[in-house]
N, C-alpha and C. Protein backbone atom coordinates (compact mmCIF):
# COMPACT_ATOMS: atom_id res chain seq x y z
N MET A 1 -6.89 2.04 -34.54
CA MET A 1 -6.95 0.40 -33.87
C MET A 1 -8.24 -0.45 -34.14
N ASN A 2 -9.19 0.71 -34.50
CA ASN A 2 -10.67 -0.40 -34.58
C ASN A 2 -10.54 -0.73 -35.77
N ASN A 3 -10.71 -1.77 -36.00
CA ASN A 3 -10.94 -2.91 -37.10
C ASN A 3 -12.18 -3.22 -37.35
N GLN A 4 -13.14 -2.55 -36.54
CA GLN A 4 -14.02 -2.89 -37.44
C GLN A 4 -14.70 -1.79 -38.28
N LYS A 5 -15.63 -1.99 -39.30
CA LYS A 5 -16.02 -1.31 -40.27
C LYS A 5 -17.26 -0.78 -40.00
N GLU A 6 -17.15 0.62 -40.39
CA GLU A 6 -18.48 1.81 -39.78
C GLU A 6 -20.01 0.87 -40.67
N LYS A 7 -21.05 1.08 -40.29
CA LYS A 7 -21.78 0.71 -40.69
C LYS A 7 -22.77 1.88 -41.25
N THR A 8 -23.12 1.37 -42.73
CA THR A 8 -24.13 2.17 -43.36
C THR A 8 -25.08 1.84 -42.78
N SER A 9 -26.24 2.98 -43.74
CA SER A 9 -26.99 3.56 -42.90
C SER A 9 -28.19 2.39 -42.60
N ASN A 10 -28.14 1.12 -43.58
CA ASN A 10 -29.02 0.38 -43.47
C ASN A 10 -28.80 -0.97 -42.92
N GLY A 11 -27.90 -1.29 -42.00
CA GLY A 11 -27.52 -2.12 -41.16
C GLY A 11 -26.05 -2.84 -41.79
N THR A 12 -25.78 -2.29 -43.27
CA THR A 12 -24.19 -3.46 -43.74
C THR A 12 -23.35 -2.41 -43.72
N PRO A 13 -22.16 -3.83 -43.51
CA PRO A 13 -20.84 -2.94 -43.27
C PRO A 13 -20.47 -2.57 -44.38
N GLU A 14 -19.76 -1.13 -44.50
CA GLU A 14 -18.95 0.15 -44.96
C GLU A 14 -18.92 -1.28 -46.07
N GLY A 15 -18.89 -0.74 -48.04
CA GLY A 15 -17.46 -1.84 -48.74
C GLY A 15 -18.80 -2.68 -49.16
N ARG A 16 -19.54 -2.81 -48.81
CA ARG A 16 -20.12 -4.43 -49.27
C ARG A 16 -21.85 -3.34 -49.60
N GLU A 17 -22.01 -3.69 -51.07
CA GLU A 17 -22.80 -3.11 -51.87
C GLU A 17 -24.27 -3.97 -50.80
N ALA A 18 -25.01 -3.08 -50.67
CA ALA A 18 -26.32 -3.13 -50.03
C ALA A 18 -27.31 -3.38 -51.16
N SER A 19 -27.86 -4.61 -51.45
CA SER A 19 -28.18 -4.55 -52.81
C SER A 19 -30.02 -5.30 -51.90
N PRO A 20 -30.58 -4.72 -52.68
CA PRO A 20 -32.82 -5.14 -52.04
C PRO A 20 -32.73 -6.34 -52.84
N SER A 21 -32.07 -6.74 -53.56
CA SER A 21 -31.99 -8.50 -53.91
C SER A 21 -31.84 -9.25 -53.23
N ILE A 22 -30.85 -8.96 -51.63
CA ILE A 22 -30.34 -10.02 -50.90
C ILE A 22 -31.92 -10.17 -50.42
N SER A 23 -31.25 -11.76 -50.26
CA SER A 23 -32.31 -12.70 -48.88
C SER A 23 -32.38 -12.52 -47.78
N PRO A 24 -33.00 -12.77 -47.28
CA PRO A 24 -32.88 -12.67 -45.30
C PRO A 24 -31.62 -13.90 -45.34
N ALA A 25 -31.81 -15.05 -45.83
CA ALA A 25 -30.88 -16.43 -45.13
C ALA A 25 -29.45 -15.86 -46.04
N GLU A 26 -29.34 -14.76 -46.99
CA GLU A 26 -27.68 -14.22 -47.37
C GLU A 26 -27.21 -13.87 -46.15
N LYS A 27 -28.34 -12.55 -46.29
CA LYS A 27 -27.48 -11.70 -44.49
C LYS A 27 -27.49 -12.73 -43.62
N ALA A 28 -27.72 -14.09 -43.26
CA ALA A 28 -27.54 -14.55 -42.17
C ALA A 28 -26.21 -14.84 -42.24
N ASP A 29 -26.17 -15.61 -44.00
CA ASP A 29 -24.89 -15.86 -44.22
C ASP A 29 -23.54 -15.00 -44.03
N LEU A 30 -23.33 -13.95 -44.58
CA LEU A 30 -23.16 -12.72 -44.79
C LEU A 30 -23.10 -12.53 -42.80
N LEU A 31 -23.97 -12.23 -41.57
CA LEU A 31 -23.24 -12.46 -40.55
C LEU A 31 -23.00 -13.02 -40.23
N ALA A 32 -22.92 -13.99 -40.13
CA ALA A 32 -22.23 -15.68 -39.86
C ALA A 32 -21.10 -15.55 -40.02
N HIS A 33 -20.00 -15.21 -41.48
CA HIS A 33 -19.48 -15.15 -42.15
C HIS A 33 -18.10 -13.86 -41.01
N ASP A 34 -19.24 -13.37 -41.19
CA ASP A 34 -18.15 -11.98 -39.87
C ASP A 34 -18.02 -12.44 -38.95
N ILE A 35 -19.00 -12.90 -38.34
CA ILE A 35 -19.01 -13.58 -36.59
C ILE A 35 -17.68 -14.42 -37.19
N ASP A 36 -17.89 -15.94 -37.69
CA ASP A 36 -16.43 -16.45 -37.35
C ASP A 36 -15.45 -15.77 -38.07
N ARG A 37 -15.66 -14.38 -38.41
CA ARG A 37 -13.61 -13.89 -39.05
C ARG A 37 -13.90 -13.13 -37.68
N ILE A 38 -14.56 -12.81 -37.24
CA ILE A 38 -14.01 -12.18 -35.83
C ILE A 38 -13.77 -12.85 -34.24
N ARG A 39 -14.63 -13.48 -34.38
CA ARG A 39 -13.77 -14.99 -33.19
C ARG A 39 -12.92 -15.29 -33.74
N GLY A 40 -12.59 -15.74 -34.71
CA GLY A 40 -10.96 -16.22 -35.24
C GLY A 40 -9.98 -15.46 -34.79
N THR A 41 -10.81 -13.68 -34.56
CA THR A 41 -9.75 -12.80 -34.81
C THR A 41 -9.60 -12.71 -33.00
N LEU A 42 -10.58 -12.72 -32.39
CA LEU A 42 -10.47 -12.68 -30.67
C LEU A 42 -9.56 -14.36 -30.34
N ASP A 43 -10.25 -15.25 -30.56
CA ASP A 43 -9.42 -16.91 -30.27
C ASP A 43 -7.88 -16.26 -30.49
N GLY A 44 -7.16 -15.58 -31.42
CA GLY A 44 -5.81 -15.44 -32.00
C GLY A 44 -5.17 -14.75 -30.66
N LEU A 45 -6.41 -13.81 -30.06
CA LEU A 45 -5.69 -12.47 -29.54
C LEU A 45 -5.63 -13.25 -27.70
N VAL A 46 -6.92 -13.78 -27.33
CA VAL A 46 -7.18 -15.05 -26.67
C VAL A 46 -6.04 -15.48 -26.36
N GLY A 47 -5.92 -16.49 -27.17
CA GLY A 47 -4.57 -17.14 -26.47
C GLY A 47 -2.76 -16.47 -27.10
N GLU A 48 -2.90 -15.78 -27.03
CA GLU A 48 -1.25 -14.37 -27.01
C GLU A 48 -1.63 -14.63 -25.43
N LEU A 49 -3.13 -13.75 -24.78
CA LEU A 49 -2.94 -13.40 -23.80
C LEU A 49 -2.79 -14.07 -22.72
N ASP A 50 -3.43 -15.95 -22.79
CA ASP A 50 -3.22 -16.45 -21.89
C ASP A 50 -1.58 -17.07 -22.60
N ARG A 51 -0.85 -17.22 -23.30
CA ARG A 51 0.96 -17.52 -23.23
C ARG A 51 1.05 -16.50 -22.64
N ARG A 52 0.92 -15.04 -22.48
CA ARG A 52 1.52 -13.98 -22.32
C ARG A 52 1.58 -14.04 -20.61
N ARG A 53 0.19 -14.42 -20.04
CA ARG A 53 -0.38 -14.48 -18.21
C ARG A 53 0.98 -15.77 -17.89
N HIS A 54 1.04 -16.78 -18.56
CA HIS A 54 1.90 -18.05 -18.36
C HIS A 54 3.40 -17.65 -18.24
N GLN A 55 3.40 -16.72 -19.14
CA GLN A 55 5.11 -16.43 -19.06
C GLN A 55 5.04 -15.21 -17.81
N VAL A 56 4.18 -14.38 -17.28
CA VAL A 56 4.65 -13.38 -16.44
C VAL A 56 4.57 -14.64 -15.38
N PHE A 57 3.96 -15.20 -15.05
CA PHE A 57 3.81 -15.73 -13.45
C PHE A 57 4.60 -17.22 -13.42
N ASP A 58 5.72 -17.35 -15.21
CA ASP A 58 6.46 -18.59 -14.51
C ASP A 58 8.03 -17.80 -13.79
N ILE A 59 8.17 -18.23 -12.41
CA ILE A 59 9.30 -18.05 -12.20
C ILE A 59 10.41 -18.08 -12.66
N LYS A 60 10.83 -18.73 -12.78
CA LYS A 60 11.95 -19.05 -13.64
C LYS A 60 11.85 -18.09 -14.74
N LEU A 61 11.25 -18.44 -15.76
CA LEU A 61 11.63 -18.20 -16.68
C LEU A 61 11.94 -16.35 -16.31
N GLN A 62 11.17 -16.19 -15.98
CA GLN A 62 11.57 -14.62 -15.61
C GLN A 62 12.89 -14.52 -15.18
N LEU A 63 13.20 -14.85 -14.15
CA LEU A 63 14.79 -15.44 -13.12
C LEU A 63 15.58 -15.09 -14.76
N ARG A 64 15.68 -16.48 -15.58
CA ARG A 64 16.08 -16.29 -16.31
C ARG A 64 16.73 -15.12 -17.11
N ARG A 65 15.00 -14.96 -17.08
CA ARG A 65 15.29 -13.64 -18.48
C ARG A 65 15.80 -12.08 -17.84
N HIS A 66 15.49 -12.06 -16.45
CA HIS A 66 16.32 -10.84 -16.28
C HIS A 66 16.95 -10.57 -14.55
N LYS A 67 17.94 -11.74 -14.88
CA LYS A 67 19.34 -12.18 -14.10
C LYS A 67 19.84 -10.48 -13.75
N LEU A 68 20.36 -10.08 -14.64
CA LEU A 68 21.45 -9.49 -14.50
C LEU A 68 21.15 -8.23 -13.98
N ALA A 69 19.13 -7.83 -14.00
CA ALA A 69 18.33 -6.73 -13.09
C ALA A 69 18.34 -6.89 -11.51
N LEU A 70 18.03 -8.38 -11.61
CA LEU A 70 17.91 -8.94 -10.19
C LEU A 70 19.38 -8.64 -9.35
N LEU A 71 20.65 -8.98 -10.27
CA LEU A 71 21.73 -9.10 -9.42
C LEU A 71 22.15 -7.48 -9.08
N ILE A 72 21.92 -6.80 -9.72
CA ILE A 72 22.43 -5.54 -9.21
C ILE A 72 21.03 -5.22 -8.56
N GLY A 73 20.13 -5.14 -8.67
CA GLY A 73 18.80 -5.17 -7.17
C GLY A 73 19.57 -5.61 -6.37
N ALA A 74 19.90 -6.46 -5.88
CA ALA A 74 20.43 -7.55 -4.75
C ALA A 74 21.93 -6.91 -4.17
N ALA A 75 22.44 -6.51 -4.63
CA ALA A 75 23.80 -5.57 -4.75
C ALA A 75 22.84 -4.15 -3.92
N THR A 76 22.37 -3.30 -4.79
CA THR A 76 21.70 -2.03 -4.42
C THR A 76 21.46 -2.39 -3.07
N LEU A 77 21.01 -3.22 -2.66
CA LEU A 77 20.18 -3.60 -1.59
C LEU A 77 21.30 -3.96 -0.39
N ALA A 78 22.25 -4.73 -0.96
CA ALA A 78 23.16 -5.30 0.00
C ALA A 78 24.33 -3.87 0.40
N ALA A 79 24.33 -3.07 -0.18
CA ALA A 79 24.93 -1.81 0.09
C ALA A 79 24.56 -1.18 0.32
N GLY A 80 23.19 -0.85 0.07
CA GLY A 80 22.37 0.36 0.96
C GLY A 80 22.77 -0.33 2.73
N GLY A 81 22.15 -1.46 3.00
CA GLY A 81 21.94 -1.88 3.88
C GLY A 81 23.81 -1.69 4.93
N SER A 82 24.64 -2.00 3.99
CA SER A 82 25.66 -2.41 5.39
C SER A 82 26.17 -0.99 5.07
N GLY A 83 25.91 -0.03 4.07
CA GLY A 83 26.26 1.11 4.42
C GLY A 83 25.68 2.01 5.39
N GLY A 84 24.90 2.22 5.58
CA GLY A 84 23.40 2.46 6.72
C GLY A 84 23.92 1.93 8.00
N ILE A 85 24.81 0.51 7.88
CA ILE A 85 25.08 -0.39 9.32
C ILE A 85 26.26 0.25 9.43
N ALA A 86 27.33 0.87 8.52
CA ALA A 86 28.50 1.04 8.67
C ALA A 86 28.63 2.47 9.15
N PHE A 87 27.43 3.24 8.43
CA PHE A 87 27.40 4.35 9.50
C PHE A 87 26.82 4.54 10.64
N ALA A 88 26.02 3.78 11.03
CA ALA A 88 25.03 3.57 12.76
C ALA A 88 26.43 3.54 13.44
N VAL A 89 27.18 2.35 13.12
CA VAL A 89 28.12 2.34 13.89
C VAL A 89 29.39 3.79 13.88
N HIS A 90 29.58 4.04 13.41
CA HIS A 90 30.46 4.88 12.78
C HIS A 90 29.97 6.34 13.65
N ARG A 91 28.33 6.47 14.03
CA ARG A 91 27.96 7.70 14.08
C ARG A 91 28.04 7.13 15.91
N HIS A 92 27.73 5.72 15.80
CA HIS A 92 27.62 5.29 17.46
C HIS A 92 29.32 5.74 18.32
N ARG A 93 29.85 5.40 17.75
CA ARG A 93 31.58 5.68 18.06
C ARG A 93 32.16 7.09 18.37
N GLN A 94 31.63 7.44 17.30
CA GLN A 94 31.73 9.29 17.21
C GLN A 94 30.94 9.63 18.62
N ARG A 95 29.62 9.54 19.26
CA ARG A 95 28.60 10.11 19.83
C ARG A 95 29.64 9.56 21.73
N ARG A 96 30.29 8.66 21.31
CA ARG A 96 30.80 7.55 22.41
C ARG A 96 32.02 8.62 22.80
N ARG A 97 32.39 9.38 22.03
CA ARG A 97 33.85 10.11 22.22
C ARG A 97 33.89 11.12 23.39
N LEU A 98 34.97 10.98 24.23
CA LEU A 98 34.72 12.47 25.60
C LEU A 98 34.14 13.59 24.82
N SER A 99 35.44 14.19 24.08
CA SER A 99 34.93 15.53 23.14
C SER A 99 33.68 15.63 22.76
N ASP A 100 33.46 14.89 22.11
CA ASP A 100 32.22 14.54 21.96
C ASP A 100 30.62 14.69 22.49
N ARG A 101 30.65 14.04 23.67
CA ARG A 101 30.12 14.37 25.11
C ARG A 101 30.13 15.33 25.80
N ALA A 102 31.13 16.00 25.32
CA ALA A 102 31.14 17.67 26.74
C ALA A 102 30.47 18.78 25.78
N ALA A 103 30.98 18.44 24.47
CA ALA A 103 30.41 19.49 23.16
C ALA A 103 28.89 19.26 23.76
N ARG A 104 28.19 17.92 23.66
CA ARG A 104 26.75 18.38 24.62
C ARG A 104 26.36 18.50 25.22
N LEU A 105 26.94 18.26 26.31
CA LEU A 105 26.84 18.58 27.83
C LEU A 105 27.10 19.97 27.64
N ARG A 106 27.56 21.15 27.03
CA ARG A 106 27.74 22.23 27.08
C ARG A 106 26.97 22.84 26.21
N GLU A 107 26.32 22.16 25.26
CA GLU A 107 25.51 23.10 24.78
C GLU A 107 24.13 22.82 25.35
N ALA A 108 24.12 21.24 26.31
CA ALA A 108 22.67 21.21 27.35
C ALA A 108 22.81 22.51 28.48
N LEU A 109 24.27 22.95 28.58
CA LEU A 109 24.14 23.66 29.79
C LEU A 109 23.88 25.47 29.69
N SER A 110 23.77 25.82 27.93
CA SER A 110 23.54 26.58 27.85
C SER A 110 21.83 26.99 27.20
N ARG A 111 21.99 26.20 27.05
CA ARG A 111 19.91 26.10 26.48
C ARG A 111 19.17 25.98 28.06
N MET A 112 19.95 25.10 29.45
CA MET A 112 19.79 25.74 30.59
C MET A 112 20.20 26.54 31.00
N MET A 113 20.10 27.68 30.85
CA MET A 113 20.90 28.62 31.42
C MET A 113 19.76 29.75 30.44
N ALA A 114 20.02 29.41 29.58
CA ALA A 114 18.80 31.01 28.06
C ALA A 114 17.50 30.35 29.10
N ARG A 115 16.74 28.98 28.87
CA ARG A 115 15.52 29.01 29.23
C ARG A 115 15.31 27.97 30.40
N PRO A 116 15.57 28.33 31.73
CA PRO A 116 15.34 27.57 33.01
C PRO A 116 14.03 27.19 32.82
N ASP A 117 13.15 27.96 32.62
CA ASP A 117 11.22 27.54 32.52
C ASP A 117 11.28 25.66 32.00
N ARG A 118 11.85 25.79 30.38
CA ARG A 118 11.85 24.28 30.05
C ARG A 118 12.40 23.18 30.83
N VAL A 119 13.57 23.73 32.05
CA VAL A 119 14.58 22.29 32.47
C VAL A 119 13.23 21.45 32.94
N ALA A 120 12.86 22.70 34.33
CA ALA A 120 11.93 21.70 34.98
C ALA A 120 10.60 22.21 34.89
N PRO A 121 9.51 21.55 35.09
CA PRO A 121 8.12 22.83 34.98
C PRO A 121 7.77 23.02 36.03
N ARG A 122 7.88 24.44 36.99
CA ARG A 122 7.22 25.04 37.73
C ARG A 122 5.67 24.03 38.58
N GLU A 123 6.08 24.15 40.34
CA GLU A 123 5.03 22.57 40.39
C GLU A 123 3.95 23.68 40.49
N LYS A 124 2.84 22.82 40.35
CA LYS A 124 1.77 23.26 40.33
C LYS A 124 1.29 24.10 41.95
N GLY A 125 0.29 24.85 42.04
CA GLY A 125 -0.39 24.95 43.03
C GLY A 125 -1.05 23.79 43.85
N ILE A 126 -1.73 24.46 45.11
CA ILE A 126 -2.14 23.18 45.51
C ILE A 126 -3.52 22.64 45.19
N ALA A 127 -3.95 24.06 44.25
CA ALA A 127 -5.60 23.58 43.64
C ALA A 127 -4.87 22.56 42.60
N GLY A 128 -4.22 22.44 41.92
CA GLY A 128 -3.80 21.57 40.57
C GLY A 128 -3.96 20.67 40.75
N LYS A 129 -3.10 20.18 42.40
CA LYS A 129 -2.63 19.08 42.98
C LYS A 129 -3.86 18.05 43.16
N LEU A 130 -4.94 19.29 43.52
CA LEU A 130 -6.31 18.95 44.19
C LEU A 130 -6.85 18.33 42.70
N LEU A 131 -7.17 18.89 42.12
CA LEU A 131 -8.08 18.71 40.70
C LEU A 131 -7.39 17.40 40.28
N MET A 132 -6.10 16.70 40.60
CA MET A 132 -5.30 15.80 39.54
C MET A 132 -5.47 14.38 40.26
N ALA A 133 -5.41 14.80 41.52
CA ALA A 133 -5.84 13.41 42.76
C ALA A 133 -7.72 13.68 42.51
N ALA A 134 -8.25 14.11 42.21
CA ALA A 134 -9.91 14.26 42.69
C ALA A 134 -9.98 14.14 40.83
N GLY A 135 -9.55 13.89 39.51
CA GLY A 135 -9.31 13.19 38.46
C GLY A 135 -8.98 11.54 38.48
N GLY A 136 -7.47 11.44 39.51
CA GLY A 136 -8.05 9.74 39.74
C GLY A 136 -8.48 9.67 39.62
N ALA A 137 -9.18 10.12 40.75
CA ALA A 137 -10.31 8.78 41.96
C ALA A 137 -11.35 8.62 41.22
N ALA A 138 -11.86 9.97 40.51
CA ALA A 138 -13.08 10.11 39.73
C ALA A 138 -13.07 8.25 38.58
N ALA A 139 -11.99 9.03 37.71
CA ALA A 139 -11.04 7.67 36.90
C ALA A 139 -11.07 6.76 37.40
N SER A 140 -10.70 6.23 38.49
CA SER A 140 -10.52 4.95 38.62
C SER A 140 -11.89 4.29 39.55
N VAL A 141 -13.26 5.26 39.79
CA VAL A 141 -14.51 4.95 39.84
C VAL A 141 -14.78 4.16 38.92
N LEU A 142 -14.87 5.11 38.05
CA LEU A 142 -15.47 5.00 36.68
C LEU A 142 -15.46 3.90 36.21
N ALA A 143 -13.61 3.50 35.93
CA ALA A 143 -13.46 2.00 36.04
C ALA A 143 -13.36 0.82 36.32
N ARG A 144 -13.79 0.25 37.73
CA ARG A 144 -14.68 0.04 38.31
C ARG A 144 -15.99 -0.61 37.55
N LYS A 145 -16.88 0.70 38.25
CA LYS A 145 -17.94 0.73 37.23
C LYS A 145 -18.09 0.09 36.28
N LEU A 146 -17.54 0.25 35.45
CA LEU A 146 -17.58 -0.47 34.09
C LEU A 146 -17.16 -1.46 33.95
N THR A 147 -16.41 -2.37 34.53
CA THR A 147 -15.59 -2.97 34.51
C THR A 147 -16.32 -4.22 35.48
N GLU A 148 -16.97 -3.57 36.24
CA GLU A 148 -18.14 -5.09 36.87
C GLU A 148 -19.00 -4.93 36.00
N ARG A 149 -19.60 -4.13 35.21
CA ARG A 149 -21.08 -4.23 34.54
C ARG A 149 -20.54 -4.81 33.60
N ALA A 150 -19.71 -4.92 32.61
CA ALA A 150 -18.91 -5.65 31.65
C ALA A 150 -19.13 -7.57 32.32
N TRP A 151 -18.48 -7.96 33.51
CA TRP A 151 -18.53 -8.76 33.54
C TRP A 151 -19.60 -9.43 34.37
N GLY A 152 -20.45 -8.66 34.96
CA GLY A 152 -21.90 -8.48 35.23
C GLY A 152 -22.70 -9.20 34.60
N ALA A 153 -22.56 -8.69 33.21
CA ALA A 153 -23.17 -8.86 32.47
C ALA A 153 -23.06 -10.58 31.54
N GLY A 154 -21.47 -10.64 31.24
CA GLY A 154 -21.01 -11.90 30.83
C GLY A 154 -21.66 -12.93 31.31
N ARG A 155 -21.69 -13.41 33.22
CA ARG A 155 -21.96 -13.62 34.28
C ARG A 155 -23.71 -13.99 33.92
N ASN A 156 -24.41 -13.29 33.61
CA ASN A 156 -25.26 -13.42 33.73
C ASN A 156 -26.15 -14.50 32.09
N LEU A 157 -25.33 -13.78 31.23
CA LEU A 157 -25.15 -14.42 29.77
C LEU A 157 -25.13 -16.00 30.08
N ALA A 158 -24.10 -16.09 30.84
CA ALA A 158 -23.60 -17.61 30.95
C ALA A 158 -24.31 -18.01 32.05
N LYS A 159 -25.20 -17.95 32.38
CA LYS A 159 -26.53 -18.49 32.89
C LYS A 159 -27.27 -18.70 32.81
N THR A 160 -27.94 -17.98 31.12
CA THR A 160 -28.85 -18.18 31.03
C THR A 160 -28.44 -18.98 29.76
């Protein structure tokens, strides 16, 4: 893929004869020729990249080129959305039937009889209730003080 020629030990491109009789002006001309050739190649590549960039961002062209793929994608999305909605409606109707509701109630009752401690938590003792009340009061006082501090700082800044 690399189109550049290997350099020899004296700095001239491989394939050219390194002649001791080449003057600096001739070397400069050879280098200018190489630069012009490389610049021409790069100009062609940059032009091609620019053309492709314009094609990629041309929406109308992309719609014309990929019409079938877009139609297939849109149909797939529509079918998936419709199928999802149809399934949700079917499931909703199924869950509303009396037999299904009775089956869910039977399962809930069997779970309740198997693990009654998970149905309703035990009541907290008096110590737990006192701790919860004290924690709530402390949080309320803390919130009030922080709010007063924030509002008070705002008022002091507004006065100056």
